[in-house]
């Protein structure tokens, strides 16, 4: 099962989580950390309960473009007899777009085998076997997630939005964790093989769009 220590071990090189995590569940809050339930795709585990396996995937920040977030305000507007506009607000829904250029087609040369306690891969920091610099998903892993998710799933977002943690001074000290979770559908997914490599991996370009449920 994923833990706070596991996610801390899977962080990128800047000591902060990768910008996006995809999960089959909204997870739980443990010591102020959003933790997805279950086990990451590629983890080395003795768990045999299939309902816990392959529950989430951490996306790479390598060559990722901006995470663009657009609010879609759903409302009914009507102009009154006196000329003023009245709005009946229904909901705000989030649309998320991002893309990767020259993303390695695989994260590692072999199955990642992330340690179930520390989140570390035995191939970490090996230029010959680790292809994404932060151990995040490569192109094939992203495509596989898309192919297996015709329905909704959750995206965890890590960016500086301290207001999600409250209004006191402690909210300023939580850059090292995910701060927002949104249930989404895939609105679009495109990939292209930009350059074929030798005997290790290819470079892919990927773009995706997510729409809040």
N, C-alpha and C. Protein backbone atom coordinates (compact mmCIF):
# COMPACT_ATOMS: atom_id res chain seq x y z
N UNK A 1 0.83 -1.19 0.00
CA UNK A 1 0.00 0.00 0.00
C UNK A 1 0.87 1.26 0.00
N UNK A 2 0.42 2.28 -0.73
CA UNK A 2 1.16 3.54 -0.74
C UNK A 2 1.13 4.17 0.65
N UNK A 3 2.22 4.81 1.01
CA UNK A 3 2.35 5.50 2.29
C UNK A 3 2.97 6.87 2.05
N UNK A 4 3.02 7.67 3.09
CA UNK A 4 3.68 8.97 2.99
C UNK A 4 5.16 8.78 2.64
N UNK A 5 5.82 7.82 3.28
CA UNK A 5 7.24 7.57 3.00
C UNK A 5 7.44 7.13 1.55
N UNK A 6 6.49 6.36 1.04
CA UNK A 6 6.61 5.91 -0.36
C UNK A 6 6.58 7.11 -1.30
N UNK A 7 5.60 8.01 -1.10
CA UNK A 7 5.50 9.18 -1.97
C UNK A 7 6.69 10.11 -1.82
N UNK A 8 7.20 10.24 -0.59
CA UNK A 8 8.39 11.06 -0.39
C UNK A 8 9.59 10.48 -1.14
N UNK A 9 9.67 9.14 -1.19
CA UNK A 9 10.75 8.49 -1.91
C UNK A 9 10.63 8.59 -3.41
N UNK A 10 9.42 8.87 -3.90
CA UNK A 10 9.17 8.96 -5.35
C UNK A 10 9.23 10.39 -5.87
N UNK A 11 9.66 11.32 -5.04
CA UNK A 11 9.67 12.72 -5.46
C UNK A 11 10.68 12.97 -6.56
N UNK A 12 10.46 14.08 -7.26
CA UNK A 12 11.39 14.50 -8.29
C UNK A 12 12.67 15.06 -7.69
N UNK A 13 13.54 15.54 -8.55
CA UNK A 13 14.87 15.97 -8.13
C UNK A 13 14.85 17.24 -7.30
N UNK A 14 13.78 18.04 -7.39
CA UNK A 14 13.73 19.30 -6.65
C UNK A 14 13.10 19.13 -5.26
N UNK A 15 12.90 17.91 -4.82
CA UNK A 15 12.34 17.68 -3.50
C UNK A 15 10.86 17.92 -3.41
N UNK A 16 10.21 18.07 -4.55
CA UNK A 16 8.76 18.26 -4.59
C UNK A 16 8.15 17.15 -5.43
N UNK A 17 6.88 16.85 -5.22
CA UNK A 17 6.25 15.80 -6.04
C UNK A 17 6.21 16.21 -7.51
N UNK A 18 6.16 15.23 -8.39
CA UNK A 18 5.90 15.52 -9.79
C UNK A 18 4.55 16.22 -9.89
N UNK A 19 4.35 16.99 -10.95
CA UNK A 19 3.19 17.86 -11.05
C UNK A 19 1.86 17.15 -11.07
N UNK A 20 1.82 15.89 -11.57
CA UNK A 20 0.56 15.19 -11.72
C UNK A 20 0.70 13.72 -11.35
N UNK A 21 -0.33 13.19 -10.75
CA UNK A 21 -0.45 11.77 -10.42
C UNK A 21 -1.84 11.33 -10.83
N UNK A 22 -1.96 10.20 -11.53
CA UNK A 22 -3.25 9.63 -11.89
C UNK A 22 -3.56 8.48 -10.94
N UNK A 23 -4.80 8.41 -10.46
CA UNK A 23 -5.18 7.37 -9.52
C UNK A 23 -6.59 6.87 -9.80
N UNK A 24 -6.83 5.61 -9.47
CA UNK A 24 -8.17 5.04 -9.59
C UNK A 24 -9.06 5.42 -8.41
N UNK A 25 -8.52 6.16 -7.44
CA UNK A 25 -9.29 6.50 -6.24
C UNK A 25 -8.85 7.86 -5.71
N UNK A 26 -9.70 8.49 -4.89
CA UNK A 26 -9.35 9.80 -4.33
C UNK A 26 -8.40 9.72 -3.15
N UNK A 27 -8.09 8.50 -2.71
CA UNK A 27 -7.11 8.32 -1.65
C UNK A 27 -7.61 8.77 -0.28
N UNK A 28 -6.66 8.93 0.64
CA UNK A 28 -6.95 9.35 1.99
C UNK A 28 -5.92 10.40 2.40
N UNK A 29 -6.20 11.13 3.48
CA UNK A 29 -5.27 12.12 4.01
C UNK A 29 -4.56 11.51 5.22
N UNK A 30 -3.24 11.44 5.15
CA UNK A 30 -2.41 10.88 6.24
C UNK A 30 -1.37 11.93 6.62
N UNK A 31 -1.43 12.41 7.84
CA UNK A 31 -0.49 13.44 8.32
C UNK A 31 -0.45 14.64 7.38
N UNK A 32 -1.61 14.99 6.84
CA UNK A 32 -1.69 16.15 5.95
C UNK A 32 -1.28 15.87 4.52
N UNK A 33 -0.95 14.62 4.19
CA UNK A 33 -0.56 14.24 2.83
C UNK A 33 -1.72 13.50 2.16
N UNK A 34 -2.02 13.86 0.92
CA UNK A 34 -2.95 13.07 0.13
C UNK A 34 -2.23 11.82 -0.36
N UNK A 35 -2.70 10.66 0.03
CA UNK A 35 -2.07 9.39 -0.31
C UNK A 35 -3.06 8.55 -1.11
N UNK A 36 -2.73 8.16 -2.35
CA UNK A 36 -3.64 7.28 -3.08
C UNK A 36 -3.70 5.90 -2.43
N UNK A 37 -4.84 5.28 -2.44
CA UNK A 37 -4.98 3.92 -1.94
C UNK A 37 -4.41 2.94 -2.95
N UNK A 38 -3.91 1.82 -2.48
CA UNK A 38 -3.43 0.78 -3.38
C UNK A 38 -1.96 0.91 -3.69
N UNK A 39 -1.55 0.29 -4.79
CA UNK A 39 -0.14 0.12 -5.14
C UNK A 39 0.12 0.68 -6.52
N UNK A 40 1.24 1.37 -6.67
CA UNK A 40 1.58 1.99 -7.94
C UNK A 40 1.89 0.95 -9.00
N UNK A 41 1.55 1.27 -10.24
CA UNK A 41 1.96 0.43 -11.36
C UNK A 41 3.49 0.36 -11.38
N UNK A 42 4.04 -0.83 -11.43
CA UNK A 42 5.49 -1.01 -11.46
C UNK A 42 6.12 -1.24 -10.11
N UNK A 43 5.32 -1.24 -9.02
CA UNK A 43 5.90 -1.47 -7.69
C UNK A 43 6.25 -2.94 -7.50
N UNK A 44 7.29 -3.17 -6.72
CA UNK A 44 7.70 -4.52 -6.37
C UNK A 44 6.95 -4.93 -5.11
N UNK A 45 5.98 -5.80 -5.24
CA UNK A 45 5.13 -6.14 -4.11
C UNK A 45 4.79 -7.62 -4.10
N UNK A 46 4.56 -8.11 -2.89
CA UNK A 46 4.09 -9.50 -2.74
C UNK A 46 2.58 -9.55 -2.60
N UNK A 47 1.93 -8.39 -2.73
CA UNK A 47 0.47 -8.31 -2.58
C UNK A 47 -0.21 -9.13 -3.67
N UNK A 48 -1.19 -9.95 -3.28
CA UNK A 48 -1.91 -10.79 -4.23
C UNK A 48 -3.34 -10.33 -4.47
N UNK A 49 -3.80 -9.35 -3.67
CA UNK A 49 -5.15 -8.83 -3.84
C UNK A 49 -5.17 -7.94 -5.09
N UNK A 50 -5.77 -8.44 -6.17
CA UNK A 50 -5.74 -7.72 -7.44
C UNK A 50 -6.44 -6.37 -7.36
N UNK A 51 -7.35 -6.18 -6.41
CA UNK A 51 -8.04 -4.91 -6.29
C UNK A 51 -7.12 -3.79 -5.82
N UNK A 52 -5.96 -4.16 -5.26
CA UNK A 52 -5.01 -3.16 -4.77
C UNK A 52 -3.90 -2.87 -5.77
N UNK A 53 -3.74 -3.70 -6.78
CA UNK A 53 -2.63 -3.57 -7.71
C UNK A 53 -2.92 -2.53 -8.79
N UNK A 54 -1.86 -1.88 -9.26
CA UNK A 54 -1.94 -0.95 -10.40
C UNK A 54 -3.02 0.12 -10.20
N UNK A 55 -3.01 0.74 -9.01
CA UNK A 55 -4.04 1.72 -8.68
C UNK A 55 -3.66 3.16 -9.04
N UNK A 56 -2.36 3.44 -9.21
CA UNK A 56 -2.00 4.81 -9.56
C UNK A 56 -0.69 4.84 -10.33
N UNK A 57 -0.42 5.99 -10.93
CA UNK A 57 0.79 6.18 -11.73
C UNK A 57 1.24 7.62 -11.56
N UNK A 58 2.54 7.82 -11.39
CA UNK A 58 3.10 9.16 -11.23
C UNK A 58 3.67 9.61 -12.56
N UNK A 59 3.26 10.78 -13.02
CA UNK A 59 3.66 11.27 -14.33
C UNK A 59 4.98 12.03 -14.24
N UNK A 60 5.78 11.95 -15.28
CA UNK A 60 7.08 12.60 -15.28
C UNK A 60 6.94 14.10 -15.56
N UNK A 61 7.87 14.87 -15.00
CA UNK A 61 7.98 16.30 -15.33
C UNK A 61 8.96 16.53 -16.48
N UNK A 62 9.59 15.49 -16.99
CA UNK A 62 10.58 15.64 -18.06
C UNK A 62 9.94 16.25 -19.30
N UNK A 63 10.47 17.38 -19.75
CA UNK A 63 10.03 18.02 -21.00
C UNK A 63 8.53 18.24 -21.06
N UNK A 64 7.93 18.43 -19.87
CA UNK A 64 6.49 18.69 -19.83
C UNK A 64 6.24 20.17 -20.01
N UNK A 65 5.23 20.47 -20.83
CA UNK A 65 4.80 21.85 -21.01
C UNK A 65 3.99 22.28 -19.78
N UNK A 66 3.51 23.49 -19.79
CA UNK A 66 2.72 24.01 -18.67
C UNK A 66 1.47 23.16 -18.45
N UNK A 67 1.07 23.04 -17.18
CA UNK A 67 -0.21 22.43 -16.84
C UNK A 67 -1.23 23.55 -16.90
N UNK A 68 -2.01 23.57 -17.96
CA UNK A 68 -2.98 24.65 -18.17
C UNK A 68 -4.31 24.27 -17.56
N UNK A 69 -4.83 25.13 -16.68
CA UNK A 69 -6.08 24.86 -15.99
C UNK A 69 -7.09 25.98 -16.30
N UNK A 70 -8.20 25.60 -16.86
CA UNK A 70 -9.23 26.57 -17.23
C UNK A 70 -10.54 26.23 -16.52
N UNK A 71 -11.09 27.21 -15.85
CA UNK A 71 -12.35 27.02 -15.15
C UNK A 71 -13.52 27.21 -16.13
N UNK A 72 -14.43 26.26 -16.12
CA UNK A 72 -15.65 26.35 -16.91
C UNK A 72 -16.80 26.65 -15.95
N UNK A 73 -17.28 27.88 -15.95
CA UNK A 73 -18.35 28.27 -15.03
C UNK A 73 -19.70 27.94 -15.65
N UNK A 74 -20.40 27.02 -15.02
CA UNK A 74 -21.71 26.59 -15.51
C UNK A 74 -22.77 27.40 -14.80
N UNK A 75 -23.52 28.18 -15.55
CA UNK A 75 -24.52 29.06 -14.96
C UNK A 75 -25.60 29.39 -15.97
N UNK A 76 -26.71 29.89 -15.48
CA UNK A 76 -27.79 30.37 -16.33
C UNK A 76 -27.91 31.87 -16.11
N UNK A 77 -27.77 32.62 -17.18
CA UNK A 77 -27.87 34.08 -17.09
C UNK A 77 -29.14 34.56 -17.77
N UNK A 78 -29.74 35.52 -17.13
CA UNK A 78 -30.97 36.08 -17.69
C UNK A 78 -31.04 37.57 -17.36
N UNK A 79 -31.36 38.38 -18.35
CA UNK A 79 -31.47 39.82 -18.12
C UNK A 79 -32.87 40.15 -17.63
N UNK A 80 -32.91 40.88 -16.53
CA UNK A 80 -34.17 41.23 -15.92
C UNK A 80 -34.84 42.40 -16.65
N UNK A 81 -36.06 42.68 -16.26
CA UNK A 81 -36.83 43.72 -16.92
C UNK A 81 -36.21 45.09 -16.73
N UNK A 82 -35.43 45.24 -15.63
CA UNK A 82 -34.77 46.52 -15.39
C UNK A 82 -33.42 46.63 -16.10
N UNK A 83 -33.05 45.61 -16.87
CA UNK A 83 -31.82 45.65 -17.65
C UNK A 83 -30.63 45.00 -16.98
N UNK A 84 -30.72 44.69 -15.69
CA UNK A 84 -29.60 44.05 -14.99
C UNK A 84 -29.56 42.55 -15.29
N UNK A 85 -28.35 42.00 -15.32
CA UNK A 85 -28.17 40.57 -15.57
C UNK A 85 -28.20 39.82 -14.25
N UNK A 86 -28.96 38.75 -14.22
CA UNK A 86 -28.99 37.87 -13.05
C UNK A 86 -28.41 36.52 -13.46
N UNK A 87 -27.55 35.96 -12.58
CA UNK A 87 -26.90 34.68 -12.87
C UNK A 87 -27.29 33.66 -11.81
N UNK A 88 -27.63 32.47 -12.26
CA UNK A 88 -27.90 31.33 -11.38
C UNK A 88 -26.71 30.36 -11.52
N UNK A 89 -25.81 30.43 -10.54
CA UNK A 89 -24.58 29.63 -10.61
C UNK A 89 -24.89 28.17 -10.29
N UNK A 90 -24.39 27.26 -11.14
CA UNK A 90 -24.60 25.83 -10.93
C UNK A 90 -23.34 25.17 -10.40
N UNK A 91 -22.23 25.35 -11.09
CA UNK A 91 -20.97 24.75 -10.66
C UNK A 91 -19.81 25.33 -11.47
N UNK A 92 -18.59 25.19 -10.92
CA UNK A 92 -17.37 25.47 -11.66
C UNK A 92 -16.67 24.14 -11.92
N UNK A 93 -16.33 23.90 -13.17
CA UNK A 93 -15.66 22.65 -13.54
C UNK A 93 -14.32 22.98 -14.18
N UNK A 94 -13.32 22.12 -13.89
CA UNK A 94 -11.95 22.38 -14.30
C UNK A 94 -11.61 21.59 -15.56
N UNK A 95 -10.93 22.25 -16.49
CA UNK A 95 -10.36 21.61 -17.67
C UNK A 95 -8.84 21.73 -17.59
N UNK A 96 -8.16 20.61 -17.77
CA UNK A 96 -6.70 20.56 -17.62
C UNK A 96 -6.09 20.09 -18.92
N UNK A 97 -5.07 20.81 -19.39
CA UNK A 97 -4.35 20.43 -20.60
C UNK A 97 -2.85 20.48 -20.34
N UNK A 98 -2.14 19.51 -20.88
CA UNK A 98 -0.68 19.55 -20.82
C UNK A 98 -0.11 18.67 -21.93
N UNK A 99 1.20 18.74 -22.11
CA UNK A 99 1.85 17.95 -23.17
C UNK A 99 3.30 17.73 -22.81
N UNK A 100 3.90 16.73 -23.46
CA UNK A 100 5.31 16.41 -23.30
C UNK A 100 5.96 16.36 -24.68
N UNK A 101 7.16 16.90 -24.78
CA UNK A 101 7.96 16.78 -25.99
C UNK A 101 9.18 15.92 -25.71
N UNK A 102 9.44 15.00 -26.60
CA UNK A 102 10.61 14.13 -26.48
C UNK A 102 10.63 13.39 -25.14
N UNK A 103 9.49 12.84 -24.77
CA UNK A 103 9.40 12.03 -23.54
C UNK A 103 9.86 10.61 -23.86
N UNK A 104 10.77 10.05 -23.06
CA UNK A 104 11.16 8.66 -23.31
C UNK A 104 9.94 7.74 -23.31
N UNK A 105 9.95 6.76 -24.18
CA UNK A 105 8.80 5.86 -24.32
C UNK A 105 8.64 4.94 -23.12
N UNK A 106 9.68 4.80 -22.32
CA UNK A 106 9.60 3.99 -21.10
C UNK A 106 10.41 4.67 -20.02
N UNK A 107 10.02 4.44 -18.76
CA UNK A 107 10.73 5.09 -17.66
C UNK A 107 12.03 4.39 -17.32
N UNK A 108 12.05 3.06 -17.44
CA UNK A 108 13.23 2.26 -17.09
C UNK A 108 13.45 1.20 -18.16
N UNK A 109 14.64 0.65 -18.15
CA UNK A 109 14.96 -0.39 -19.13
C UNK A 109 14.24 -1.69 -18.82
N UNK A 110 13.85 -1.87 -17.54
CA UNK A 110 13.16 -3.07 -17.06
C UNK A 110 11.99 -2.63 -16.20
N UNK A 111 11.12 -3.54 -15.75
CA UNK A 111 10.08 -3.12 -14.80
C UNK A 111 10.69 -2.35 -13.63
N UNK A 112 10.03 -1.24 -13.24
CA UNK A 112 10.62 -0.30 -12.29
C UNK A 112 10.94 -0.92 -10.94
N UNK A 113 10.10 -1.87 -10.48
CA UNK A 113 10.31 -2.53 -9.18
C UNK A 113 10.49 -1.53 -8.04
N UNK A 114 9.59 -0.53 -7.97
CA UNK A 114 9.66 0.43 -6.87
C UNK A 114 9.52 -0.29 -5.54
N UNK A 115 10.41 0.00 -4.60
CA UNK A 115 10.36 -0.62 -3.28
C UNK A 115 9.07 -0.20 -2.59
N UNK A 116 8.36 -1.16 -2.02
CA UNK A 116 7.04 -0.89 -1.45
C UNK A 116 7.12 0.00 -0.21
N UNK A 117 8.27 0.12 0.40
CA UNK A 117 8.42 0.95 1.60
C UNK A 117 9.01 2.32 1.28
N UNK A 118 10.02 2.35 0.41
CA UNK A 118 10.75 3.59 0.18
C UNK A 118 10.40 4.29 -1.13
N UNK A 119 9.75 3.57 -2.05
CA UNK A 119 9.44 4.15 -3.35
C UNK A 119 10.62 4.22 -4.29
N UNK A 120 11.75 3.66 -3.90
CA UNK A 120 12.96 3.72 -4.72
C UNK A 120 13.01 2.56 -5.71
N UNK A 121 13.54 2.84 -6.89
CA UNK A 121 13.78 1.78 -7.88
C UNK A 121 15.26 1.38 -7.82
N UNK A 122 15.56 0.11 -8.00
CA UNK A 122 16.98 -0.30 -8.00
C UNK A 122 17.75 0.31 -9.16
N UNK A 123 17.04 0.85 -10.16
CA UNK A 123 17.71 1.43 -11.33
C UNK A 123 17.83 2.95 -11.23
N UNK A 124 17.36 3.52 -10.10
CA UNK A 124 17.38 4.97 -9.95
C UNK A 124 18.80 5.50 -10.04
N UNK A 125 18.95 6.64 -10.71
CA UNK A 125 20.24 7.32 -10.88
C UNK A 125 21.21 6.55 -11.77
N UNK A 126 20.71 5.57 -12.50
CA UNK A 126 21.54 4.86 -13.45
C UNK A 126 21.19 5.33 -14.86
N UNK A 127 22.12 6.01 -15.51
CA UNK A 127 21.84 6.56 -16.85
C UNK A 127 21.58 5.46 -17.87
N UNK A 128 22.10 4.28 -17.60
CA UNK A 128 21.92 3.20 -18.56
C UNK A 128 20.57 2.51 -18.43
N UNK A 129 19.90 2.69 -17.28
CA UNK A 129 18.65 1.97 -17.05
C UNK A 129 17.47 2.85 -16.66
N UNK A 130 17.73 4.09 -16.22
CA UNK A 130 16.65 5.03 -15.90
C UNK A 130 16.58 6.07 -17.00
N UNK A 131 15.42 6.19 -17.65
CA UNK A 131 15.32 7.05 -18.83
C UNK A 131 14.59 8.36 -18.56
N UNK A 132 13.62 8.37 -17.65
CA UNK A 132 13.07 9.65 -17.20
C UNK A 132 13.83 10.04 -15.94
N UNK A 133 14.20 11.30 -15.84
CA UNK A 133 15.12 11.70 -14.78
C UNK A 133 14.49 11.63 -13.39
N UNK A 134 13.15 11.64 -13.32
CA UNK A 134 12.48 11.61 -12.02
C UNK A 134 11.74 10.30 -11.77
N UNK A 135 11.93 9.30 -12.64
CA UNK A 135 11.27 8.02 -12.46
C UNK A 135 9.79 8.04 -12.79
N UNK A 136 9.30 9.17 -13.33
CA UNK A 136 7.89 9.26 -13.70
C UNK A 136 7.60 8.48 -14.96
N UNK A 137 6.32 8.32 -15.27
CA UNK A 137 5.87 7.46 -16.36
C UNK A 137 6.41 7.92 -17.71
N UNK A 138 6.78 6.95 -18.53
CA UNK A 138 7.15 7.21 -19.91
C UNK A 138 5.92 7.15 -20.81
N UNK A 139 6.16 7.26 -22.11
CA UNK A 139 5.05 7.31 -23.06
C UNK A 139 4.17 6.08 -23.05
N UNK A 140 4.78 4.90 -22.99
CA UNK A 140 4.00 3.65 -23.02
C UNK A 140 3.10 3.56 -21.80
N UNK A 141 3.63 3.96 -20.63
CA UNK A 141 2.82 3.90 -19.41
C UNK A 141 1.62 4.85 -19.48
N UNK A 142 1.83 6.03 -20.06
CA UNK A 142 0.73 6.98 -20.22
C UNK A 142 -0.33 6.45 -21.19
N UNK A 143 0.12 5.91 -22.31
CA UNK A 143 -0.81 5.36 -23.28
C UNK A 143 -1.59 4.20 -22.69
N UNK A 144 -0.92 3.36 -21.91
CA UNK A 144 -1.60 2.23 -21.29
C UNK A 144 -2.67 2.71 -20.30
N UNK A 145 -2.36 3.78 -19.54
CA UNK A 145 -3.36 4.32 -18.62
C UNK A 145 -4.58 4.82 -19.40
N UNK A 146 -4.32 5.52 -20.49
CA UNK A 146 -5.43 6.02 -21.32
C UNK A 146 -6.28 4.86 -21.85
N UNK A 147 -5.65 3.83 -22.36
CA UNK A 147 -6.38 2.70 -22.95
C UNK A 147 -7.22 1.96 -21.91
N UNK A 148 -6.81 2.01 -20.66
CA UNK A 148 -7.50 1.27 -19.61
C UNK A 148 -8.49 2.13 -18.80
N UNK A 149 -8.70 3.37 -19.23
CA UNK A 149 -9.58 4.26 -18.46
C UNK A 149 -10.56 4.97 -19.39
N UNK A 150 -11.60 4.21 -19.76
CA UNK A 150 -12.69 4.82 -20.51
C UNK A 150 -13.60 5.63 -19.59
N UNK A 151 -13.61 5.29 -18.31
CA UNK A 151 -14.41 6.01 -17.32
C UNK A 151 -13.58 7.05 -16.59
N UNK A 152 -14.09 7.49 -15.45
CA UNK A 152 -13.43 8.55 -14.71
C UNK A 152 -12.30 7.99 -13.84
N UNK A 153 -11.39 8.89 -13.47
CA UNK A 153 -10.31 8.61 -12.52
C UNK A 153 -9.96 9.92 -11.85
N UNK A 154 -8.98 9.91 -10.97
CA UNK A 154 -8.62 11.12 -10.23
C UNK A 154 -7.22 11.58 -10.63
N UNK A 155 -7.06 12.90 -10.74
CA UNK A 155 -5.74 13.49 -10.95
C UNK A 155 -5.38 14.26 -9.69
N UNK A 156 -4.17 13.99 -9.17
CA UNK A 156 -3.61 14.72 -8.04
C UNK A 156 -2.68 15.78 -8.62
N UNK A 157 -2.80 17.01 -8.13
CA UNK A 157 -2.01 18.12 -8.65
C UNK A 157 -1.10 18.67 -7.58
N UNK A 158 0.15 18.96 -7.94
CA UNK A 158 1.13 19.53 -7.01
C UNK A 158 1.65 20.83 -7.61
N UNK A 159 1.16 21.94 -7.08
CA UNK A 159 1.65 23.25 -7.48
C UNK A 159 1.38 24.20 -6.31
N UNK A 160 1.93 25.39 -6.35
CA UNK A 160 1.81 26.29 -5.21
C UNK A 160 0.41 26.89 -5.16
N UNK A 161 -0.45 26.25 -4.39
CA UNK A 161 -1.79 26.76 -4.14
C UNK A 161 -2.07 26.57 -2.65
N UNK A 162 -1.33 27.34 -1.83
CA UNK A 162 -1.33 27.11 -0.38
C UNK A 162 -2.70 27.30 0.26
N UNK A 163 -3.60 28.04 -0.39
CA UNK A 163 -4.93 28.27 0.16
C UNK A 163 -5.72 26.96 0.31
N UNK A 164 -5.34 25.95 -0.45
CA UNK A 164 -6.02 24.65 -0.31
C UNK A 164 -5.76 24.01 1.05
N UNK A 165 -4.73 24.49 1.76
CA UNK A 165 -4.40 23.93 3.07
C UNK A 165 -4.90 24.80 4.22
N UNK A 166 -5.58 25.90 3.91
CA UNK A 166 -6.11 26.75 4.97
C UNK A 166 -5.56 28.15 4.92
N UNK A 167 -5.84 28.90 5.98
CA UNK A 167 -5.48 30.32 6.02
C UNK A 167 -4.41 30.65 7.05
N UNK A 168 -3.91 29.66 7.78
CA UNK A 168 -2.90 29.97 8.79
C UNK A 168 -1.50 29.87 8.19
N UNK A 169 -0.51 30.24 8.97
CA UNK A 169 0.86 30.29 8.45
C UNK A 169 1.41 28.93 8.06
N UNK A 170 0.89 27.86 8.66
CA UNK A 170 1.40 26.52 8.33
C UNK A 170 1.09 26.12 6.89
N UNK A 171 0.09 26.75 6.29
CA UNK A 171 -0.28 26.40 4.92
C UNK A 171 0.80 26.79 3.93
N UNK A 172 1.72 27.69 4.33
CA UNK A 172 2.79 28.12 3.43
C UNK A 172 3.92 27.10 3.33
N UNK A 173 3.92 26.09 4.18
CA UNK A 173 5.05 25.16 4.28
C UNK A 173 4.72 23.79 3.72
N UNK A 174 3.86 23.73 2.71
CA UNK A 174 3.40 22.43 2.24
C UNK A 174 3.59 22.24 0.73
N UNK A 175 4.67 22.80 0.22
CA UNK A 175 4.99 22.62 -1.19
C UNK A 175 5.39 21.19 -1.52
N UNK A 176 5.71 20.40 -0.49
CA UNK A 176 6.23 19.05 -0.71
C UNK A 176 5.12 18.01 -0.79
N UNK A 177 3.91 18.41 -1.16
CA UNK A 177 2.81 17.46 -1.21
C UNK A 177 1.77 17.87 -2.25
N UNK A 178 0.93 16.93 -2.63
CA UNK A 178 -0.18 17.25 -3.53
C UNK A 178 -1.21 18.06 -2.77
N UNK A 179 -1.81 19.04 -3.46
CA UNK A 179 -2.73 19.93 -2.77
C UNK A 179 -4.14 19.94 -3.34
N UNK A 180 -4.34 19.26 -4.46
CA UNK A 180 -5.66 19.30 -5.09
C UNK A 180 -5.93 17.97 -5.78
N UNK A 181 -7.15 17.44 -5.63
CA UNK A 181 -7.54 16.19 -6.26
C UNK A 181 -8.84 16.42 -7.01
N UNK A 182 -8.87 16.02 -8.29
CA UNK A 182 -10.04 16.28 -9.13
C UNK A 182 -10.41 14.99 -9.86
N UNK A 183 -11.69 14.64 -9.86
CA UNK A 183 -12.16 13.50 -10.63
C UNK A 183 -12.39 13.94 -12.07
N UNK A 184 -11.82 13.23 -13.02
CA UNK A 184 -11.80 13.68 -14.41
C UNK A 184 -12.09 12.53 -15.38
N UNK A 185 -12.41 12.91 -16.60
CA UNK A 185 -12.43 12.03 -17.76
C UNK A 185 -11.34 12.50 -18.72
N UNK A 186 -10.85 11.60 -19.57
CA UNK A 186 -10.03 12.02 -20.70
C UNK A 186 -10.93 12.69 -21.72
N UNK A 187 -10.61 13.92 -22.09
CA UNK A 187 -11.30 14.60 -23.19
C UNK A 187 -10.54 14.41 -24.50
N UNK A 188 -9.21 14.21 -24.39
CA UNK A 188 -8.40 14.02 -25.60
C UNK A 188 -7.07 13.41 -25.19
N UNK A 189 -6.51 12.60 -26.08
CA UNK A 189 -5.18 12.02 -25.87
C UNK A 189 -4.56 11.79 -27.23
N UNK A 190 -3.36 12.34 -27.44
CA UNK A 190 -2.66 12.17 -28.72
C UNK A 190 -1.20 11.85 -28.44
N UNK A 191 -0.64 10.96 -29.25
CA UNK A 191 0.79 10.68 -29.12
C UNK A 191 1.39 10.45 -30.49
N UNK A 192 2.66 10.78 -30.60
CA UNK A 192 3.39 10.55 -31.84
C UNK A 192 4.81 10.11 -31.49
N UNK A 193 5.39 9.30 -32.34
CA UNK A 193 6.77 8.85 -32.16
C UNK A 193 7.66 9.86 -32.87
N UNK A 194 8.32 10.70 -32.07
CA UNK A 194 9.14 11.77 -32.62
C UNK A 194 10.46 11.25 -33.18
N UNK A 195 11.08 10.34 -32.43
CA UNK A 195 12.38 9.82 -32.86
C UNK A 195 12.55 8.41 -32.30
N UNK A 196 12.89 7.49 -33.15
CA UNK A 196 13.15 6.13 -32.70
C UNK A 196 14.59 6.03 -32.22
N UNK A 197 14.77 5.41 -31.04
CA UNK A 197 16.11 5.27 -30.47
C UNK A 197 16.80 4.04 -31.00
N UNK A 198 17.85 3.64 -30.29
CA UNK A 198 18.59 2.45 -30.68
C UNK A 198 17.92 1.21 -30.13
N UNK A 199 18.53 0.60 -29.13
CA UNK A 199 18.00 -0.63 -28.56
C UNK A 199 17.39 -0.41 -27.18
N UNK A 200 17.18 0.87 -26.79
CA UNK A 200 16.70 1.12 -25.43
C UNK A 200 15.30 1.76 -25.40
N UNK A 201 15.09 2.91 -26.04
CA UNK A 201 13.78 3.55 -26.00
C UNK A 201 13.65 4.53 -27.16
N UNK A 202 12.41 4.95 -27.40
CA UNK A 202 12.09 5.98 -28.39
C UNK A 202 11.75 7.28 -27.67
N UNK A 203 11.63 8.36 -28.42
CA UNK A 203 11.13 9.62 -27.90
C UNK A 203 9.73 9.87 -28.45
N UNK A 204 8.80 10.15 -27.56
CA UNK A 204 7.41 10.40 -27.93
C UNK A 204 7.03 11.84 -27.62
N UNK A 205 6.07 12.34 -28.39
CA UNK A 205 5.36 13.56 -28.05
C UNK A 205 3.95 13.17 -27.64
N UNK A 206 3.48 13.72 -26.52
CA UNK A 206 2.17 13.36 -25.99
C UNK A 206 1.43 14.63 -25.59
N UNK A 207 0.15 14.70 -25.90
CA UNK A 207 -0.69 15.78 -25.38
C UNK A 207 -1.98 15.15 -24.85
N UNK A 208 -2.50 15.73 -23.78
CA UNK A 208 -3.75 15.20 -23.22
C UNK A 208 -4.59 16.34 -22.65
N UNK A 209 -5.88 16.09 -22.61
CA UNK A 209 -6.83 17.03 -22.05
C UNK A 209 -7.74 16.27 -21.10
N UNK A 210 -7.99 16.84 -19.93
CA UNK A 210 -8.83 16.24 -18.90
C UNK A 210 -10.00 17.18 -18.60
N UNK A 211 -11.15 16.58 -18.35
CA UNK A 211 -12.34 17.37 -18.05
C UNK A 211 -12.94 16.87 -16.73
N UNK A 212 -13.16 17.80 -15.81
CA UNK A 212 -13.71 17.42 -14.50
C UNK A 212 -15.09 16.81 -14.63
N UNK A 213 -15.34 15.80 -13.83
CA UNK A 213 -16.64 15.09 -13.86
C UNK A 213 -17.74 16.06 -13.42
